[in-house]
Amino acid sequence: MGIWKNAFKLPGHSAITEEEKKLLNALALKINKRSMGNVAALALESTRPLHNLGSQALVFVTPMISAVFSKEEMDKFVKLLENPNAVDFFIDELNSGDSKSDTKVVK
């Protein structure tokens, strides 16, 4: 039974660093400024099973979009897309920012 103990065990995901939180928070603010927070959160939630494929697609197109983003930035985005903890944090940021902008005072 010892050989099968870890046969189907998935690796754990790392915690989000402060630098990654700042990056995701800034991105969420830009999206919420355009009132697209709910749409972005819905898109992220509905494509959750495809995030690993999306990160590998980013790796594939990195040479083509290297004029816009540096390799280090692309590596950060790939790492964040593969980490479910980062995606959850980003969705929470999108939803919290949208609820702040929805509170309007009606007189």
N, C-alpha and C. Protein backbone atom coordinates (compact mmCIF):
# COMPACT_ATOMS: atom_id res chain seq x y z
N MET A 1 0.82 -1.21 0.00
CA MET A 1 0.00 0.00 0.00
C MET A 1 0.86 1.26 0.00
N GLY A 2 2.12 1.14 0.36
CA GLY A 2 3.00 2.30 0.44
C GLY A 2 3.22 2.99 -0.89
N ILE A 3 3.23 2.23 -2.00
CA ILE A 3 3.47 2.82 -3.31
C ILE A 3 2.29 3.68 -3.76
N TRP A 4 1.09 3.35 -3.34
CA TRP A 4 -0.11 4.08 -3.77
C TRP A 4 -0.46 5.24 -2.86
N LYS A 5 0.29 5.40 -1.79
CA LYS A 5 -0.03 6.44 -0.81
C LYS A 5 -0.03 7.84 -1.43
N ASN A 6 0.96 8.12 -2.27
CA ASN A 6 1.07 9.45 -2.88
C ASN A 6 0.85 9.44 -4.39
N ALA A 7 0.29 8.36 -4.91
CA ALA A 7 0.15 8.23 -6.35
C ALA A 7 -0.75 9.29 -6.97
N PHE A 8 -1.82 9.65 -6.30
CA PHE A 8 -2.78 10.60 -6.87
C PHE A 8 -2.87 11.88 -6.07
N LYS A 9 -1.86 12.16 -5.30
CA LYS A 9 -1.85 13.36 -4.46
C LYS A 9 -1.40 14.56 -5.29
N LEU A 10 -2.16 15.63 -5.22
CA LEU A 10 -1.82 16.85 -5.95
C LEU A 10 -0.97 17.76 -5.07
N PRO A 11 -0.05 18.51 -5.65
CA PRO A 11 0.78 19.40 -4.84
C PRO A 11 -0.06 20.56 -4.28
N GLY A 12 0.36 21.04 -3.12
CA GLY A 12 -0.32 22.19 -2.52
C GLY A 12 0.04 23.47 -3.25
N HIS A 13 -0.77 24.47 -3.09
CA HIS A 13 -0.52 25.75 -3.76
C HIS A 13 0.04 26.74 -2.74
N SER A 14 0.95 27.57 -3.21
CA SER A 14 1.62 28.51 -2.33
C SER A 14 0.71 29.68 -1.96
N ALA A 15 1.05 30.31 -0.86
CA ALA A 15 0.31 31.50 -0.43
C ALA A 15 0.70 32.68 -1.32
N ILE A 16 -0.14 33.68 -1.32
CA ILE A 16 0.08 34.86 -2.16
C ILE A 16 1.03 35.81 -1.43
N THR A 17 2.03 36.31 -2.14
CA THR A 17 2.96 37.27 -1.54
C THR A 17 2.34 38.67 -1.58
N GLU A 18 2.96 39.58 -0.84
CA GLU A 18 2.47 40.96 -0.81
C GLU A 18 2.60 41.63 -2.18
N GLU A 19 3.67 41.31 -2.90
CA GLU A 19 3.86 41.89 -4.23
C GLU A 19 2.75 41.43 -5.18
N GLU A 20 2.40 40.16 -5.09
CA GLU A 20 1.32 39.64 -5.93
C GLU A 20 -0.02 40.25 -5.54
N LYS A 21 -0.23 40.46 -4.25
CA LYS A 21 -1.47 41.11 -3.80
C LYS A 21 -1.57 42.52 -4.34
N LYS A 22 -0.45 43.25 -4.34
CA LYS A 22 -0.45 44.62 -4.87
C LYS A 22 -0.78 44.62 -6.36
N LEU A 23 -0.19 43.68 -7.09
CA LEU A 23 -0.44 43.58 -8.53
C LEU A 23 -1.90 43.27 -8.80
N LEU A 24 -2.46 42.29 -8.09
CA LEU A 24 -3.85 41.91 -8.30
C LEU A 24 -4.80 43.02 -7.86
N ASN A 25 -4.46 43.71 -6.77
CA ASN A 25 -5.30 44.80 -6.29
C ASN A 25 -5.32 45.95 -7.30
N ALA A 26 -4.16 46.28 -7.87
CA ALA A 26 -4.11 47.35 -8.87
C ALA A 26 -4.91 46.97 -10.11
N LEU A 27 -4.81 45.72 -10.52
CA LEU A 27 -5.58 45.26 -11.68
C LEU A 27 -7.08 45.29 -11.40
N ALA A 28 -7.46 44.88 -10.18
CA ALA A 28 -8.88 44.91 -9.80
C ALA A 28 -9.41 46.34 -9.76
N LEU A 29 -8.59 47.27 -9.28
CA LEU A 29 -9.03 48.67 -9.26
C LEU A 29 -9.27 49.20 -10.67
N LYS A 30 -8.38 48.85 -11.60
CA LYS A 30 -8.55 49.30 -12.99
C LYS A 30 -9.82 48.71 -13.60
N ILE A 31 -10.09 47.45 -13.31
CA ILE A 31 -11.29 46.80 -13.85
C ILE A 31 -12.54 47.40 -13.22
N ASN A 32 -12.51 47.61 -11.90
CA ASN A 32 -13.68 48.17 -11.21
C ASN A 32 -13.93 49.62 -11.60
N LYS A 33 -12.89 50.34 -11.96
CA LYS A 33 -13.05 51.73 -12.39
C LYS A 33 -13.89 51.80 -13.66
N ARG A 34 -13.83 50.75 -14.46
CA ARG A 34 -14.61 50.66 -15.69
C ARG A 34 -15.93 49.94 -15.49
N SER A 35 -16.28 49.66 -14.24
CA SER A 35 -17.53 48.97 -13.87
C SER A 35 -17.64 47.59 -14.51
N MET A 36 -16.54 46.89 -14.60
CA MET A 36 -16.52 45.55 -15.19
C MET A 36 -16.15 44.48 -14.17
N GLY A 37 -16.22 44.80 -12.88
CA GLY A 37 -15.81 43.86 -11.84
C GLY A 37 -16.64 42.59 -11.82
N ASN A 38 -17.96 42.74 -11.90
CA ASN A 38 -18.82 41.56 -11.87
C ASN A 38 -18.62 40.68 -13.09
N VAL A 39 -18.43 41.29 -14.23
CA VAL A 39 -18.23 40.53 -15.47
C VAL A 39 -16.90 39.77 -15.40
N ALA A 40 -15.86 40.42 -14.92
CA ALA A 40 -14.56 39.78 -14.82
C ALA A 40 -14.59 38.64 -13.80
N ALA A 41 -15.28 38.86 -12.67
CA ALA A 41 -15.39 37.81 -11.65
C ALA A 41 -16.17 36.61 -12.20
N LEU A 42 -17.23 36.87 -12.94
CA LEU A 42 -18.01 35.79 -13.54
C LEU A 42 -17.16 35.01 -14.55
N ALA A 43 -16.39 35.72 -15.36
CA ALA A 43 -15.54 35.05 -16.34
C ALA A 43 -14.47 34.19 -15.66
N LEU A 44 -13.89 34.71 -14.59
CA LEU A 44 -12.88 33.92 -13.88
C LEU A 44 -13.49 32.69 -13.21
N GLU A 45 -14.65 32.87 -12.59
CA GLU A 45 -15.29 31.73 -11.93
C GLU A 45 -15.72 30.66 -12.92
N SER A 46 -16.25 31.08 -14.06
CA SER A 46 -16.78 30.10 -15.00
C SER A 46 -15.67 29.37 -15.77
N THR A 47 -14.49 29.94 -15.81
CA THR A 47 -13.39 29.29 -16.52
C THR A 47 -12.36 28.69 -15.57
N ARG A 48 -12.74 28.48 -14.32
CA ARG A 48 -11.80 27.96 -13.32
C ARG A 48 -11.11 26.66 -13.75
N PRO A 49 -11.81 25.69 -14.34
CA PRO A 49 -11.10 24.46 -14.74
C PRO A 49 -10.08 24.67 -15.86
N LEU A 50 -10.17 25.79 -16.57
CA LEU A 50 -9.29 26.03 -17.71
C LEU A 50 -8.10 26.94 -17.39
N HIS A 51 -7.93 27.33 -16.12
CA HIS A 51 -6.87 28.27 -15.78
C HIS A 51 -5.48 27.72 -16.08
N ASN A 52 -5.26 26.42 -15.82
CA ASN A 52 -3.95 25.85 -16.14
C ASN A 52 -3.68 25.86 -17.64
N LEU A 53 -4.71 25.58 -18.43
CA LEU A 53 -4.54 25.64 -19.89
C LEU A 53 -4.26 27.08 -20.34
N GLY A 54 -4.93 28.02 -19.73
CA GLY A 54 -4.71 29.42 -20.06
C GLY A 54 -3.30 29.88 -19.73
N SER A 55 -2.78 29.40 -18.61
CA SER A 55 -1.42 29.77 -18.24
C SER A 55 -0.42 29.19 -19.22
N GLN A 56 -0.67 27.98 -19.69
CA GLN A 56 0.23 27.38 -20.68
C GLN A 56 0.09 28.06 -22.04
N ALA A 57 -1.10 28.57 -22.34
CA ALA A 57 -1.27 29.34 -23.57
C ALA A 57 -0.47 30.64 -23.49
N LEU A 58 -0.43 31.26 -22.31
CA LEU A 58 0.40 32.46 -22.13
C LEU A 58 1.87 32.15 -22.36
N VAL A 59 2.32 31.01 -21.88
CA VAL A 59 3.71 30.61 -22.11
C VAL A 59 3.97 30.46 -23.61
N PHE A 60 3.00 29.90 -24.31
CA PHE A 60 3.15 29.67 -25.75
C PHE A 60 3.23 30.99 -26.52
N VAL A 61 2.42 31.98 -26.15
CA VAL A 61 2.39 33.24 -26.92
C VAL A 61 3.34 34.30 -26.38
N THR A 62 4.11 33.97 -25.37
CA THR A 62 5.05 34.93 -24.79
C THR A 62 5.99 35.54 -25.83
N PRO A 63 6.57 34.77 -26.74
CA PRO A 63 7.44 35.41 -27.74
C PRO A 63 6.72 36.42 -28.63
N MET A 64 5.44 36.21 -28.86
CA MET A 64 4.70 37.11 -29.75
C MET A 64 4.30 38.42 -29.06
N ILE A 65 4.06 38.37 -27.76
CA ILE A 65 3.63 39.58 -27.06
C ILE A 65 4.74 40.15 -26.19
N SER A 66 5.97 39.76 -26.47
CA SER A 66 7.10 40.27 -25.69
C SER A 66 7.34 41.76 -25.94
N ALA A 67 6.76 42.31 -27.00
CA ALA A 67 6.90 43.75 -27.26
C ALA A 67 6.07 44.56 -26.27
N VAL A 68 5.02 43.96 -25.73
CA VAL A 68 4.13 44.67 -24.81
C VAL A 68 4.52 44.40 -23.36
N PHE A 69 4.79 43.15 -23.03
CA PHE A 69 5.12 42.75 -21.66
C PHE A 69 6.52 42.15 -21.62
N SER A 70 7.19 42.35 -20.50
CA SER A 70 8.50 41.72 -20.33
C SER A 70 8.32 40.25 -19.93
N LYS A 71 9.37 39.49 -20.05
CA LYS A 71 9.31 38.07 -19.70
C LYS A 71 8.99 37.89 -18.21
N GLU A 72 9.52 38.77 -17.37
CA GLU A 72 9.27 38.68 -15.93
C GLU A 72 7.79 38.92 -15.61
N GLU A 73 7.18 39.89 -16.30
CA GLU A 73 5.76 40.14 -16.10
C GLU A 73 4.92 38.96 -16.55
N MET A 74 5.28 38.38 -17.67
CA MET A 74 4.54 37.21 -18.16
C MET A 74 4.68 36.03 -17.20
N ASP A 75 5.86 35.84 -16.64
CA ASP A 75 6.05 34.76 -15.67
C ASP A 75 5.19 34.98 -14.43
N LYS A 76 5.05 36.24 -14.01
CA LYS A 76 4.18 36.55 -12.87
C LYS A 76 2.73 36.20 -13.17
N PHE A 77 2.26 36.58 -14.35
CA PHE A 77 0.88 36.30 -14.72
C PHE A 77 0.62 34.80 -14.84
N VAL A 78 1.59 34.07 -15.39
CA VAL A 78 1.45 32.61 -15.51
C VAL A 78 1.37 31.99 -14.12
N LYS A 79 2.24 32.42 -13.23
CA LYS A 79 2.26 31.88 -11.87
C LYS A 79 0.95 32.19 -11.14
N LEU A 80 0.43 33.40 -11.31
CA LEU A 80 -0.81 33.78 -10.66
C LEU A 80 -2.00 33.01 -11.21
N LEU A 81 -2.01 32.78 -12.50
CA LEU A 81 -3.12 32.07 -13.12
C LEU A 81 -3.14 30.60 -12.72
N GLU A 82 -1.98 30.02 -12.43
CA GLU A 82 -1.91 28.63 -12.00
C GLU A 82 -2.23 28.45 -10.53
N ASN A 83 -2.22 29.51 -9.74
CA ASN A 83 -2.44 29.42 -8.30
C ASN A 83 -3.90 29.73 -7.96
N PRO A 84 -4.67 28.74 -7.51
CA PRO A 84 -6.08 29.00 -7.18
C PRO A 84 -6.25 30.00 -6.04
N ASN A 85 -5.28 30.08 -5.13
CA ASN A 85 -5.37 31.06 -4.04
C ASN A 85 -5.32 32.49 -4.59
N ALA A 86 -4.49 32.71 -5.60
CA ALA A 86 -4.39 34.03 -6.21
C ALA A 86 -5.66 34.38 -6.97
N VAL A 87 -6.24 33.40 -7.65
CA VAL A 87 -7.48 33.63 -8.39
C VAL A 87 -8.61 33.96 -7.41
N ASP A 88 -8.68 33.24 -6.29
CA ASP A 88 -9.70 33.53 -5.28
C ASP A 88 -9.53 34.94 -4.71
N PHE A 89 -8.28 35.32 -4.43
CA PHE A 89 -8.02 36.67 -3.92
C PHE A 89 -8.45 37.73 -4.94
N PHE A 90 -8.14 37.49 -6.21
CA PHE A 90 -8.49 38.44 -7.26
C PHE A 90 -10.00 38.58 -7.40
N ILE A 91 -10.72 37.47 -7.33
CA ILE A 91 -12.18 37.51 -7.43
C ILE A 91 -12.76 38.26 -6.24
N ASP A 92 -12.21 38.04 -5.05
CA ASP A 92 -12.67 38.78 -3.86
C ASP A 92 -12.42 40.27 -4.02
N GLU A 93 -11.27 40.63 -4.56
CA GLU A 93 -10.97 42.04 -4.79
C GLU A 93 -11.92 42.65 -5.81
N LEU A 94 -12.23 41.91 -6.86
CA LEU A 94 -13.18 42.41 -7.86
C LEU A 94 -14.56 42.63 -7.25
N ASN A 95 -15.01 41.68 -6.44
CA ASN A 95 -16.33 41.79 -5.83
C ASN A 95 -16.39 42.86 -4.75
N SER A 96 -15.33 43.01 -3.97
CA SER A 96 -15.35 44.02 -2.91
C SER A 96 -15.29 45.42 -3.49
N GLY A 97 -14.53 45.61 -4.55
CA GLY A 97 -14.45 46.93 -5.19
C GLY A 97 -15.74 47.31 -5.86
N ASP A 98 -16.44 46.33 -6.42
CA ASP A 98 -17.71 46.60 -7.09
C ASP A 98 -18.79 46.98 -6.09
N SER A 99 -18.78 46.36 -4.91
CA SER A 99 -19.80 46.68 -3.92
C SER A 99 -19.58 48.08 -3.36
N LYS A 100 -18.31 48.52 -3.31
CA LYS A 100 -18.04 49.88 -2.83
C LYS A 100 -18.57 50.93 -3.81
N SER A 101 -18.46 50.63 -5.10
CA SER A 101 -18.89 51.61 -6.09
C SER A 101 -20.42 51.58 -6.29
N ASP A 102 -21.08 50.51 -5.81
CA ASP A 102 -22.53 50.42 -5.97
C ASP A 102 -23.30 51.19 -4.91
N THR A 103 -22.64 51.60 -3.85
CA THR A 103 -23.36 52.30 -2.77
C THR A 103 -23.52 53.76 -3.14
N LYS A 104 -24.69 54.11 -3.60
CA LYS A 104 -25.00 55.48 -3.98
C LYS A 104 -26.04 56.03 -3.01
N VAL A 105 -25.88 57.27 -2.67
CA VAL A 105 -26.82 57.91 -1.77
C VAL A 105 -27.96 58.50 -2.59
N VAL A 106 -29.17 58.08 -2.28
CA VAL A 106 -30.35 58.58 -2.99
C VAL A 106 -31.12 59.47 -2.02
N LYS A 107 -31.41 60.69 -2.44
CA LYS A 107 -32.14 61.63 -1.58
C LYS A 107 -33.50 61.90 -2.15
